[in-house]
């Protein structure tokens, strides 16, 4: 009984040195666990699909006034936004003119999704 208690105490507090067979056995057990554990053990029931991390919150892009000829022409603005962002699926939601204190247009804020 005393031997069993001593062994359990050694295992629990891990009194083995690195160059012992017990250490080697622990390393093998860890590697077996890492490589042979099914992925389903770590799946969460609340996990969503692959694209779930992408949210539908609009992003704002600022365009210089030289690029925007007509602020009501959303097709041209959408084309410029796709060119600037590299996103072919970008859709223009709203266009706002940014005006300086002296009244000149200094840019356009474009909300995209």
PDB file of N, CA and C in Angstrom:
ATOM      1  N   UNK A   1       0.820  -1.190   0.000  1.00  0.00           N
ATOM      2  CA  UNK A   1       0.000   0.000   0.000  1.00  0.00           C
ATOM      3  C   UNK A   1       0.869   1.262   0.000  1.00  0.00           C
ATOM      4  N   UNK A   2       1.932   1.230   0.788  1.00  0.00           N
ATOM      5  CA  UNK A   2       2.819   2.391   0.878  1.00  0.00           C
ATOM      6  C   UNK A   2       3.524   2.664  -0.453  1.00  0.00           C
ATOM      7  N   UNK A   3       3.886   1.605  -1.155  1.00  0.00           N
ATOM      8  CA  UNK A   3       4.562   1.747  -2.453  1.00  0.00           C
ATOM      9  C   UNK A   3       3.617   2.397  -3.468  1.00  0.00           C
ATOM     10  N   UNK A   4       2.375   1.966  -3.456  1.00  0.00           N
ATOM     11  CA  UNK A   4       1.386   2.542  -4.363  1.00  0.00           C
ATOM     12  C   UNK A   4       1.168   4.019  -4.069  1.00  0.00           C
ATOM     13  N   UNK A   5       1.072   4.351  -2.794  1.00  0.00           N
ATOM     14  CA  UNK A   5       0.886   5.745  -2.389  1.00  0.00           C
ATOM     15  C   UNK A   5       2.086   6.605  -2.783  1.00  0.00           C
ATOM     16  N   UNK A   6       3.278   6.077  -2.603  1.00  0.00           N
ATOM     17  CA  UNK A   6       4.498   6.801  -2.980  1.00  0.00           C
ATOM     18  C   UNK A   6       4.559   6.997  -4.489  1.00  0.00           C
ATOM     19  N   UNK A   7       4.207   5.970  -5.241  1.00  0.00           N
ATOM     20  CA  UNK A   7       4.218   6.066  -6.702  1.00  0.00           C
ATOM     21  C   UNK A   7       3.199   7.091  -7.186  1.00  0.00           C
ATOM     22  N   UNK A   8       2.005   7.079  -6.632  1.00  0.00           N
ATOM     23  CA  UNK A   8       0.984   8.062  -7.020  1.00  0.00           C
ATOM     24  C   UNK A   8       1.423   9.479  -6.674  1.00  0.00           C
ATOM     25  N   UNK A   9       2.076   9.615  -5.531  1.00  0.00           N
ATOM     26  CA  UNK A   9       2.573  10.937  -5.138  1.00  0.00           C
ATOM     27  C   UNK A   9       3.654  11.427  -6.103  1.00  0.00           C
ATOM     28  N   UNK A  10       4.544  10.517  -6.528  1.00  0.00           N
ATOM     29  CA  UNK A  10       5.592  10.881  -7.488  1.00  0.00           C
ATOM     30  C   UNK A  10       4.991  11.268  -8.842  1.00  0.00           C
ATOM     31  N   UNK A  11       3.974  10.523  -9.248  1.00  0.00           N
ATOM     32  CA  UNK A  11       3.339  10.828 -10.534  1.00  0.00           C
ATOM     33  C   UNK A  11       2.609  12.159 -10.454  1.00  0.00           C
ATOM     34  N   UNK A  12       1.886  12.388  -9.374  1.00  0.00           N
ATOM     35  CA  UNK A  12       1.118  13.620  -9.241  1.00  0.00           C
ATOM     36  C   UNK A  12       2.027  14.847  -9.169  1.00  0.00           C
ATOM     37  N   UNK A  13       3.085  14.774  -8.380  1.00  0.00           N
ATOM     38  CA  UNK A  13       4.002  15.915  -8.237  1.00  0.00           C
ATOM     39  C   UNK A  13       5.174  15.854  -9.217  1.00  0.00           C
ATOM     40  N   UNK A  14       5.270  14.795  -9.992  1.00  0.00           N
ATOM     41  CA  UNK A  14       6.264  14.566 -11.039  1.00  0.00           C
ATOM     42  C   UNK A  14       7.690  14.834 -10.555  1.00  0.00           C
ATOM     43  N   UNK A  15       8.179  13.886  -9.754  1.00  0.00           N
ATOM     44  CA  UNK A  15       9.537  13.955  -9.205  1.00  0.00           C
ATOM     45  C   UNK A  15      10.568  13.259 -10.079  1.00  0.00           C
ATOM     46  N   UNK A  16      10.214  12.927 -11.302  1.00  0.00           N
ATOM     47  CA  UNK A  16      11.136  12.190 -12.166  1.00  0.00           C
ATOM     48  C   UNK A  16      12.030  13.151 -12.946  1.00  0.00           C
ATOM     49  N   UNK A  17      13.267  12.767 -13.118  1.00  0.00           N
ATOM     50  CA  UNK A  17      14.216  13.587 -13.882  1.00  0.00           C
ATOM     51  C   UNK A  17      13.991  13.364 -15.379  1.00  0.00           C
ATOM     52  N   UNK A  18      14.629  14.203 -16.184  1.00  0.00           N
ATOM     53  CA  UNK A  18      14.438  14.115 -17.632  1.00  0.00           C
ATOM     54  C   UNK A  18      15.062  12.879 -18.257  1.00  0.00           C
ATOM     55  N   UNK A  19      16.048  12.320 -17.678  1.00  0.00           N
ATOM     56  CA  UNK A  19      16.731  11.181 -18.302  1.00  0.00           C
ATOM     57  C   UNK A  19      16.243   9.834 -17.776  1.00  0.00           C
ATOM     58  N   UNK A  20      15.003   9.782 -17.292  1.00  0.00           N
ATOM     59  CA  UNK A  20      14.446   8.524 -16.796  1.00  0.00           C
ATOM     60  C   UNK A  20      13.434   7.977 -17.785  1.00  0.00           C
ATOM     61  N   UNK A  21      13.112   6.683 -17.629  1.00  0.00           N
ATOM     62  CA  UNK A  21      12.143   6.069 -18.529  1.00  0.00           C
ATOM     63  C   UNK A  21      10.743   6.614 -18.281  1.00  0.00           C
ATOM     64  N   UNK A  22      10.486   7.105 -17.067  1.00  0.00           N
ATOM     65  CA  UNK A  22       9.181   7.688 -16.781  1.00  0.00           C
ATOM     66  C   UNK A  22       8.964   8.960 -17.596  1.00  0.00           C
ATOM     67  N   UNK A  23      10.025   9.741 -17.723  1.00  0.00           N
ATOM     68  CA  UNK A  23       9.944  10.970 -18.524  1.00  0.00           C
ATOM     69  C   UNK A  23       9.690  10.633 -19.990  1.00  0.00           C
ATOM     70  N   UNK A  24      10.406   9.635 -20.485  1.00  0.00           N
ATOM     71  CA  UNK A  24      10.209   9.206 -21.874  1.00  0.00           C
ATOM     72  C   UNK A  24       8.786   8.720 -22.106  1.00  0.00           C
ATOM     73  N   UNK A  25       8.258   7.987 -21.140  1.00  0.00           N
ATOM     74  CA  UNK A  25       6.891   7.491 -21.245  1.00  0.00           C
ATOM     75  C   UNK A  25       5.888   8.646 -21.280  1.00  0.00           C
ATOM     76  N   UNK A  26       6.111   9.657 -20.453  1.00  0.00           N
ATOM     77  CA  UNK A  26       5.231  10.822 -20.461  1.00  0.00           C
ATOM     78  C   UNK A  26       5.266  11.523 -21.819  1.00  0.00           C
ATOM     79  N   UNK A  27       6.442  11.656 -22.405  1.00  0.00           N
ATOM     80  CA  UNK A  27       6.561  12.290 -23.728  1.00  0.00           C
ATOM     81  C   UNK A  27       5.814  11.493 -24.783  1.00  0.00           C
ATOM     82  N   UNK A  28       5.934  10.178 -24.732  1.00  0.00           N
ATOM     83  CA  UNK A  28       5.227   9.326 -25.693  1.00  0.00           C
ATOM     84  C   UNK A  28       3.716   9.468 -25.510  1.00  0.00           C
ATOM     85  N   UNK A  29       3.258   9.484 -24.279  1.00  0.00           N
ATOM     86  CA  UNK A  29       1.821   9.644 -24.006  1.00  0.00           C
ATOM     87  C   UNK A  29       1.325  10.992 -24.538  1.00  0.00           C
ATOM     88  N   UNK A  30       2.102  12.045 -24.337  1.00  0.00           N
ATOM     89  CA  UNK A  30       1.711  13.371 -24.847  1.00  0.00           C
ATOM     90  C   UNK A  30       1.637  13.378 -26.369  1.00  0.00           C
ATOM     91  N   UNK A  31       2.605  12.786 -27.028  1.00  0.00           N
ATOM     92  CA  UNK A  31       2.595  12.741 -28.498  1.00  0.00           C
ATOM     93  C   UNK A  31       1.434  11.905 -29.020  1.00  0.00           C
ATOM     94  N   UNK A  32       1.153  10.796 -28.371  1.00  0.00           N
ATOM     95  CA  UNK A  32       0.008   9.970 -28.777  1.00  0.00           C
ATOM     96  C   UNK A  32      -1.279  10.767 -28.631  1.00  0.00           C
ATOM     97  N   UNK A  33      -1.410  11.485 -27.536  1.00  0.00           N
ATOM     98  CA  UNK A  33      -2.603  12.299 -27.341  1.00  0.00           C
ATOM     99  C   UNK A  33      -2.724  13.373 -28.419  1.00  0.00           C
ATOM    100  N   UNK A  34      -1.626  14.043 -28.734  1.00  0.00           N
ATOM    101  CA  UNK A  34      -1.658  15.119 -29.724  1.00  0.00           C
ATOM    102  C   UNK A  34      -2.043  14.608 -31.101  1.00  0.00           C
ATOM    103  N   UNK A  35      -1.443  13.503 -31.524  1.00  0.00           N
ATOM    104  CA  UNK A  35      -1.633  13.054 -32.900  1.00  0.00           C
ATOM    105  C   UNK A  35      -2.802  12.100 -33.104  1.00  0.00           C
ATOM    106  N   UNK A  36      -3.290  11.477 -32.061  1.00  0.00           N
ATOM    107  CA  UNK A  36      -4.366  10.504 -32.240  1.00  0.00           C
ATOM    108  C   UNK A  36      -5.710  10.928 -31.662  1.00  0.00           C
ATOM    109  N   UNK A  37      -5.790  12.110 -31.109  1.00  0.00           N
ATOM    110  CA  UNK A  37      -7.055  12.581 -30.562  1.00  0.00           C
ATOM    111  C   UNK A  37      -7.978  13.016 -31.699  1.00  0.00           C
ATOM    112  N   UNK A  38      -9.204  12.523 -31.720  1.00  0.00           N
ATOM    113  CA  UNK A  38     -10.144  12.942 -32.775  1.00  0.00           C
ATOM    114  C   UNK A  38     -10.488  14.430 -32.649  1.00  0.00           C
ATOM    115  N   UNK A  39     -10.645  15.078 -33.781  1.00  0.00           N
ATOM    116  CA  UNK A  39     -10.981  16.506 -33.787  1.00  0.00           C
ATOM    117  C   UNK A  39     -12.341  16.781 -33.164  1.00  0.00           C
ATOM    118  N   UNK A  40     -13.212  15.799 -33.196  1.00  0.00           N
ATOM    119  CA  UNK A  40     -14.556  16.000 -32.655  1.00  0.00           C
ATOM    120  C   UNK A  40     -14.534  16.228 -31.151  1.00  0.00           C
ATOM    121  N   UNK A  41     -13.475  15.828 -30.462  1.00  0.00           N
ATOM    122  CA  UNK A  41     -13.389  16.051 -29.024  1.00  0.00           C
ATOM    123  C   UNK A  41     -13.282  17.528 -28.701  1.00  0.00           C
ATOM    124  N   UNK A  42     -12.790  18.317 -29.637  1.00  0.00           N
ATOM    125  CA  UNK A  42     -12.545  19.726 -29.395  1.00  0.00           C
ATOM    126  C   UNK A  42     -13.543  20.638 -30.089  1.00  0.00           C
ATOM    127  N   UNK A  43     -14.517  20.089 -30.764  1.00  0.00           N
ATOM    128  CA  UNK A  43     -15.526  20.900 -31.429  1.00  0.00           C
ATOM    129  C   UNK A  43     -16.526  21.400 -30.409  1.00  0.00           C
ATOM    130  N   UNK A  44     -16.952  22.636 -30.631  1.00  0.00           N
ATOM    131  CA  UNK A  44     -17.926  23.249 -29.749  1.00  0.00           C
ATOM    132  C   UNK A  44     -19.266  23.272 -30.473  1.00  0.00           C
ATOM    133  N   UNK A  45     -20.332  23.041 -29.771  1.00  0.00           N
ATOM    134  CA  UNK A  45     -21.650  23.048 -30.383  1.00  0.00           C
ATOM    135  C   UNK A  45     -22.065  24.419 -30.881  1.00  0.00           C
ATOM    136  N   UNK A  46     -21.422  25.479 -30.387  1.00  0.00           N
ATOM    137  CA  UNK A  46     -21.768  26.831 -30.792  1.00  0.00           C
ATOM    138  C   UNK A  46     -20.994  27.305 -32.009  1.00  0.00           C
ATOM    139  N   UNK A  47     -20.132  26.463 -32.537  1.00  0.00           N
ATOM    140  CA  UNK A  47     -19.292  26.854 -33.661  1.00  0.00           C
ATOM    141  C   UNK A  47     -20.130  27.070 -34.907  1.00  0.00           C
ATOM    142  N   UNK A  48     -19.803  28.110 -35.632  1.00  0.00           N
ATOM    143  CA  UNK A  48     -20.545  28.437 -36.848  1.00  0.00           C
ATOM    144  C   UNK A  48     -19.791  27.941 -38.065  1.00  0.00           C
ATOM    145  N   UNK A  49     -20.332  28.264 -39.239  1.00  0.00           N
ATOM    146  CA  UNK A  49     -19.720  27.852 -40.495  1.00  0.00           C
ATOM    147  C   UNK A  49     -18.409  28.568 -40.766  1.00  0.00           C
ATOM    148  N   UNK A  50     -17.795  28.261 -41.911  1.00  0.00           N
ATOM    149  CA  UNK A  50     -16.460  28.777 -42.233  1.00  0.00           C
ATOM    150  C   UNK A  50     -16.448  30.294 -42.380  1.00  0.00           C
ATOM    151  N   UNK A  51     -17.497  30.878 -42.895  1.00  0.00           N
ATOM    152  CA  UNK A  51     -17.511  32.322 -43.105  1.00  0.00           C
ATOM    153  C   UNK A  51     -18.142  33.113 -41.982  1.00  0.00           C
ATOM    154  N   UNK A  52     -18.339  32.499 -40.841  1.00  0.00           N
ATOM    155  CA  UNK A  52     -19.051  33.158 -39.753  1.00  0.00           C
ATOM    156  C   UNK A  52     -18.244  34.270 -39.100  1.00  0.00           C
ATOM    157  N   UNK A  53     -16.927  34.235 -39.224  1.00  0.00           N
ATOM    158  CA  UNK A  53     -16.130  35.282 -38.601  1.00  0.00           C
ATOM    159  C   UNK A  53     -16.238  36.594 -39.355  1.00  0.00           C
ATOM    160  N   UNK A  54     -16.710  36.551 -40.583  1.00  0.00           N
ATOM    161  CA  UNK A  54     -16.887  37.764 -41.348  1.00  0.00           C
ATOM    162  C   UNK A  54     -18.268  38.327 -41.034  1.00  0.00           C
ATOM    163  N   UNK A  55     -18.279  39.530 -40.543  1.00  0.00           N
ATOM    164  CA  UNK A  55     -19.557  40.119 -40.179  1.00  0.00           C
ATOM    165  C   UNK A  55     -20.066  41.015 -41.293  1.00  0.00           C
ATOM    166  N   UNK A  56     -21.314  41.395 -41.186  1.00  0.00           N
ATOM    167  CA  UNK A  56     -21.948  42.209 -42.209  1.00  0.00           C
ATOM    168  C   UNK A  56     -21.887  43.695 -41.871  1.00  0.00           C
ATOM    169  N   UNK A  57     -20.993  44.087 -40.985  1.00  0.00           N
ATOM    170  CA  UNK A  57     -20.870  45.488 -40.601  1.00  0.00           C
ATOM    171  C   UNK A  57     -20.223  46.256 -41.750  1.00  0.00           C
ATOM    172  N   UNK A  58     -20.773  47.399 -42.112  1.00  0.00           N
ATOM    173  CA  UNK A  58     -20.188  48.152 -43.213  1.00  0.00           C
ATOM    174  C   UNK A  58     -18.801  48.693 -42.867  1.00  0.00           C
ATOM    175  N   UNK A  59     -17.963  48.764 -43.870  1.00  0.00           N
ATOM    176  CA  UNK A  59     -16.631  49.332 -43.755  1.00  0.00           C
ATOM    177  C   UNK A  59     -16.613  50.635 -44.532  1.00  0.00           C
ATOM    178  N   UNK A  60     -15.865  51.594 -44.045  1.00  0.00           N
ATOM    179  CA  UNK A  60     -15.807  52.893 -44.720  1.00  0.00           C
ATOM    180  C   UNK A  60     -14.488  53.025 -45.467  1.00  0.00           C
ATOM    181  N   UNK A  61     -14.586  53.429 -46.719  1.00  0.00           N
ATOM    182  CA  UNK A  61     -13.430  53.693 -47.569  1.00  0.00           C
ATOM    183  C   UNK A  61     -13.477  55.158 -47.947  1.00  0.00           C
ATOM    184  N   UNK A  62     -12.329  55.825 -47.896  1.00  0.00           N
ATOM    185  CA  UNK A  62     -12.274  57.240 -48.274  1.00  0.00           C
ATOM    186  C   UNK A  62     -11.644  57.350 -49.662  1.00  0.00           C
ATOM    187  N   UNK A  63     -12.356  58.016 -50.560  1.00  0.00           N
ATOM    188  CA  UNK A  63     -11.854  58.229 -51.917  1.00  0.00           C
ATOM    189  C   UNK A  63     -11.563  59.710 -52.131  1.00  0.00           C
ATOM    190  N   UNK A  64     -10.519  59.983 -52.897  1.00  0.00           N
ATOM    191  CA  UNK A  64     -10.185  61.378 -53.210  1.00  0.00           C
ATOM    192  C   UNK A  64     -11.177  61.903 -54.242  1.00  0.00           C
ATOM    193  N   UNK A  65     -11.409  63.212 -54.270  1.00  0.00           N
ATOM    194  CA  UNK A  65     -12.423  63.748 -55.189  1.00  0.00           C
ATOM    195  C   UNK A  65     -12.053  63.585 -56.663  1.00  0.00           C
ATOM    196  N   UNK A  66     -10.782  63.424 -56.978  1.00  0.00           N
ATOM    197  CA  UNK A  66     -10.392  63.246 -58.379  1.00  0.00           C
ATOM    198  C   UNK A  66     -10.894  61.923 -58.946  1.00  0.00           C
ATOM    199  N   UNK A  67     -11.121  60.951 -58.094  1.00  0.00           N
ATOM    200  CA  UNK A  67     -11.573  59.633 -58.532  1.00  0.00           C
ATOM    201  C   UNK A  67     -13.082  59.619 -58.764  1.00  0.00           C
ATOM    202  N   UNK A  68     -13.822  60.398 -57.988  1.00  0.00           N
ATOM    203  CA  UNK A  68     -15.281  60.417 -58.074  1.00  0.00           C
ATOM    204  C   UNK A  68     -15.711  61.600 -58.931  1.00  0.00           C
ATOM    205  N   UNK A  69     -16.290  61.290 -60.088  1.00  0.00           N
ATOM    206  CA  UNK A  69     -16.763  62.341 -60.980  1.00  0.00           C
ATOM    207  C   UNK A  69     -18.160  62.797 -60.570  1.00  0.00           C
ATOM    208  N   UNK A  70     -19.028  61.844 -60.299  1.00  0.00           N
ATOM    209  CA  UNK A  70     -20.403  62.143 -59.934  1.00  0.00           C
ATOM    210  C   UNK A  70     -20.749  61.292 -58.708  1.00  0.00           C
ATOM    211  N   UNK A  71     -21.073  61.933 -57.587  1.00  0.00           N
ATOM    212  CA  UNK A  71     -21.305  61.179 -56.360  1.00  0.00           C
ATOM    213  C   UNK A  71     -22.583  60.353 -56.387  1.00  0.00           C
ATOM    214  N   UNK A  72     -23.487  60.600 -57.305  1.00  0.00           N
ATOM    215  CA  UNK A  72     -24.706  59.806 -57.403  1.00  0.00           C
ATOM    216  C   UNK A  72     -24.520  58.583 -58.313  1.00  0.00           C
ATOM    217  N   UNK A  73     -23.394  58.496 -58.999  1.00  0.00           N
ATOM    218  CA  UNK A  73     -23.120  57.351 -59.879  1.00  0.00           C
ATOM    219  C   UNK A  73     -22.458  56.237 -59.056  1.00  0.00           C
ATOM    220  N   UNK A  74     -23.295  55.441 -58.408  1.00  0.00           N
ATOM    221  CA  UNK A  74     -22.772  54.410 -57.507  1.00  0.00           C
ATOM    222  C   UNK A  74     -22.041  53.293 -58.258  1.00  0.00           C
ATOM    223  N   UNK A  75     -22.387  53.072 -59.512  1.00  0.00           N
ATOM    224  CA  UNK A  75     -21.708  52.020 -60.281  1.00  0.00           C
ATOM    225  C   UNK A  75     -20.229  52.371 -60.480  1.00  0.00           C
ATOM    226  N   UNK A  76     -19.940  53.621 -60.816  1.00  0.00           N
ATOM    227  CA  UNK A  76     -18.547  54.066 -60.994  1.00  0.00           C
ATOM    228  C   UNK A  76     -17.810  54.069 -59.657  1.00  0.00           C
ATOM    229  N   UNK A  77     -18.480  54.502 -58.600  1.00  0.00           N
ATOM    230  CA  UNK A  77     -17.863  54.522 -57.272  1.00  0.00           C
ATOM    231  C   UNK A  77     -17.576  53.089 -56.819  1.00  0.00           C
ATOM    232  N   UNK A  78     -18.522  52.198 -57.070  1.00  0.00           N
ATOM    233  CA  UNK A  78     -18.328  50.795 -56.712  1.00  0.00           C
ATOM    234  C   UNK A  78     -17.146  50.199 -57.471  1.00  0.00           C
ATOM    235  N   UNK A  79     -16.998  50.584 -58.719  1.00  0.00           N
ATOM    236  CA  UNK A  79     -15.862  50.120 -59.522  1.00  0.00           C
ATOM    237  C   UNK A  79     -14.540  50.630 -58.931  1.00  0.00           C
ATOM    238  N   UNK A  80     -14.507  51.888 -58.504  1.00  0.00           N
ATOM    239  CA  UNK A  80     -13.302  52.444 -57.894  1.00  0.00           C
ATOM    240  C   UNK A  80     -12.996  51.774 -56.552  1.00  0.00           C
ATOM    241  N   UNK A  81     -14.034  51.519 -55.770  1.00  0.00           N
ATOM    242  CA  UNK A  81     -13.848  50.860 -54.477  1.00  0.00           C
ATOM    243  C   UNK A  81     -13.295  49.450 -54.678  1.00  0.00           C
ATOM    244  N   UNK A  82     -13.812  48.723 -55.642  1.00  0.00           N
ATOM    245  CA  UNK A  82     -13.305  47.381 -55.924  1.00  0.00           C
ATOM    246  C   UNK A  82     -11.856  47.426 -56.385  1.00  0.00           C
ATOM    247  N   UNK A  83     -11.512  48.456 -57.134  1.00  0.00           N
ATOM    248  CA  UNK A  83     -10.132  48.618 -57.587  1.00  0.00           C
ATOM    249  C   UNK A  83      -9.203  48.926 -56.412  1.00  0.00           C
ATOM    250  N   UNK A  84      -9.646  49.809 -55.517  1.00  0.00           N
ATOM    251  CA  UNK A  84      -8.808  50.219 -54.385  1.00  0.00           C
ATOM    252  C   UNK A  84      -8.670  49.099 -53.360  1.00  0.00           C
ATOM    253  N   UNK A  85      -9.779  48.426 -53.021  1.00  0.00           N
ATOM    254  CA  UNK A  85      -9.751  47.419 -51.959  1.00  0.00           C
ATOM    255  C   UNK A  85      -9.328  46.044 -52.440  1.00  0.00           C
ATOM    256  N   UNK A  86      -9.483  45.767 -53.705  1.00  0.00           N
ATOM    257  CA  UNK A  86      -9.169  44.438 -54.214  1.00  0.00           C
ATOM    258  C   UNK A  86     -10.264  43.430 -53.942  1.00  0.00           C
ATOM    259  N   UNK A  87     -11.404  43.899 -53.477  1.00  0.00           N
ATOM    260  CA  UNK A  87     -12.540  43.028 -53.197  1.00  0.00           C
ATOM    261  C   UNK A  87     -13.536  43.118 -54.343  1.00  0.00           C
ATOM    262  N   UNK A  88     -13.744  42.008 -55.029  1.00  0.00           N
ATOM    263  CA  UNK A  88     -14.674  42.009 -56.154  1.00  0.00           C
ATOM    264  C   UNK A  88     -16.129  41.941 -55.721  1.00  0.00           C
ATOM    265  N   UNK A  89     -16.368  41.647 -54.439  1.00  0.00           N
ATOM    266  CA  UNK A  89     -17.740  41.526 -53.953  1.00  0.00           C
ATOM    267  C   UNK A  89     -18.203  42.770 -53.186  1.00  0.00           C
ATOM    268  N   UNK A  90     -17.421  43.846 -53.225  1.00  0.00           N
ATOM    269  CA  UNK A  90     -17.762  45.062 -52.474  1.00  0.00           C
ATOM    270  C   UNK A  90     -19.010  45.716 -53.073  1.00  0.00           C
ATOM    271  N   UNK A  91     -19.912  46.130 -52.183  1.00  0.00           N
ATOM    272  CA  UNK A  91     -21.142  46.810 -52.612  1.00  0.00           C
ATOM    273  C   UNK A  91     -21.223  48.142 -51.884  1.00  0.00           C
ATOM    274  N   UNK A  92     -21.545  49.185 -52.603  1.00  0.00           N
ATOM    275  CA  UNK A  92     -21.655  50.526 -52.023  1.00  0.00           C
ATOM    276  C   UNK A  92     -22.990  50.653 -51.319  1.00  0.00           C
ATOM    277  N   UNK A  93     -22.936  51.053 -50.051  1.00  0.00           N
ATOM    278  CA  UNK A  93     -24.155  51.258 -49.282  1.00  0.00           C
ATOM    279  C   UNK A  93     -24.533  52.734 -49.225  1.00  0.00           C
ATOM    280  N   UNK A  94     -23.528  53.575 -48.996  1.00  0.00           N
ATOM    281  CA  UNK A  94     -23.804  54.998 -48.828  1.00  0.00           C
ATOM    282  C   UNK A  94     -22.562  55.795 -49.194  1.00  0.00           C
ATOM    283  N   UNK A  95     -22.777  56.966 -49.795  1.00  0.00           N
ATOM    284  CA  UNK A  95     -21.680  57.864 -50.160  1.00  0.00           C
ATOM    285  C   UNK A  95     -21.917  59.197 -49.463  1.00  0.00           C
ATOM    286  N   UNK A  96     -20.887  59.681 -48.740  1.00  0.00           N
ATOM    287  CA  UNK A  96     -20.974  60.977 -48.076  1.00  0.00           C
ATOM    288  C   UNK A  96     -19.839  61.858 -48.559  1.00  0.00           C
ATOM    289  N   UNK A  97     -20.172  63.094 -48.867  1.00  0.00           N
ATOM    290  CA  UNK A  97     -19.162  64.058 -49.297  1.00  0.00           C
ATOM    291  C   UNK A  97     -18.493  64.656 -48.064  1.00  0.00           C
ATOM    292  N   UNK A  98     -17.156  64.739 -48.082  1.00  0.00           N
ATOM    293  CA  UNK A  98     -16.402  65.366 -47.000  1.00  0.00           C
ATOM    294  C   UNK A  98     -15.985  66.744 -47.494  1.00  0.00           C
ATOM    295  N   UNK A  99     -16.470  67.760 -46.797  1.00  0.00           N
ATOM    296  CA  UNK A  99     -16.257  69.140 -47.228  1.00  0.00           C
ATOM    297  C   UNK A  99     -15.369  69.860 -46.213  1.00  0.00           C
ATOM    298  N   UNK A 100     -14.403  70.636 -46.716  1.00  0.00           N
ATOM    299  CA  UNK A 100     -13.526  71.427 -45.849  1.00  0.00           C
ATOM    300  C   UNK A 100     -14.266  72.672 -45.363  1.00  0.00           C
ATOM    301  N   UNK A 101     -13.629  73.422 -44.456  1.00  0.00           N
ATOM    302  CA  UNK A 101     -14.240  74.634 -43.911  1.00  0.00           C
ATOM    303  C   UNK A 101     -14.486  75.690 -44.981  1.00  0.00           C
ATOM    304  N   UNK A 102     -13.654  75.686 -46.010  1.00  0.00           N
ATOM    305  CA  UNK A 102     -13.810  76.703 -47.053  1.00  0.00           C
ATOM    306  C   UNK A 102     -14.807  76.291 -48.139  1.00  0.00           C
ATOM    307  N   UNK A 103     -15.442  75.110 -48.003  1.00  0.00           N
ATOM    308  CA  UNK A 103     -16.491  74.703 -48.926  1.00  0.00           C
ATOM    309  C   UNK A 103     -16.039  73.769 -50.030  1.00  0.00           C
ATOM    310  N   UNK A 104     -14.750  73.529 -50.169  1.00  0.00           N
ATOM    311  CA  UNK A 104     -14.300  72.635 -51.255  1.00  0.00           C
ATOM    312  C   UNK A 104     -14.386  71.177 -50.802  1.00  0.00           C
ATOM    313  N   UNK A 105     -14.608  70.297 -51.750  1.00  0.00           N
ATOM    314  CA  UNK A 105     -14.713  68.863 -51.477  1.00  0.00           C
ATOM    315  C   UNK A 105     -13.311  68.279 -51.323  1.00  0.00           C
ATOM    316  N   UNK A 106     -13.068  67.641 -50.180  1.00  0.00           N
ATOM    317  CA  UNK A 106     -11.739  67.061 -49.962  1.00  0.00           C
ATOM    318  C   UNK A 106     -11.747  65.535 -50.059  1.00  0.00           C
ATOM    319  N   UNK A 107     -12.909  64.933 -50.221  1.00  0.00           N
ATOM    320  CA  UNK A 107     -12.990  63.489 -50.373  1.00  0.00           C
ATOM    321  C   UNK A 107     -14.408  62.983 -50.251  1.00  0.00           C
ATOM    322  N   UNK A 108     -14.532  61.662 -50.378  1.00  0.00           N
ATOM    323  CA  UNK A 108     -15.823  61.004 -50.250  1.00  0.00           C
ATOM    324  C   UNK A 108     -15.662  59.797 -49.336  1.00  0.00           C
ATOM    325  N   UNK A 109     -16.523  59.709 -48.340  1.00  0.00           N
ATOM    326  CA  UNK A 109     -16.564  58.533 -47.489  1.00  0.00           C
ATOM    327  C   UNK A 109     -17.589  57.585 -48.072  1.00  0.00           C
ATOM    328  N   UNK A 110     -17.153  56.364 -48.355  1.00  0.00           N
ATOM    329  CA  UNK A 110     -18.024  55.377 -48.991  1.00  0.00           C
ATOM    330  C   UNK A 110     -18.163  54.194 -48.039  1.00  0.00           C
ATOM    331  N   UNK A 111     -19.381  53.918 -47.609  1.00  0.00           N
ATOM    332  CA  UNK A 111     -19.667  52.747 -46.790  1.00  0.00           C
ATOM    333  C   UNK A 111     -19.875  51.571 -47.710  1.00  0.00           C
ATOM    334  N   UNK A 112     -19.101  50.500 -47.486  1.00  0.00           N
ATOM    335  CA  UNK A 112     -19.221  49.321 -48.327  1.00  0.00           C
ATOM    336  C   UNK A 112     -19.512  48.106 -47.470  1.00  0.00           C
ATOM    337  N   UNK A 113     -19.992  47.080 -48.125  1.00  0.00           N
ATOM    338  CA  UNK A 113     -20.238  45.797 -47.462  1.00  0.00           C
ATOM    339  C   UNK A 113     -19.671  44.712 -48.320  1.00  0.00           C
TER     340      UNK A 113
END
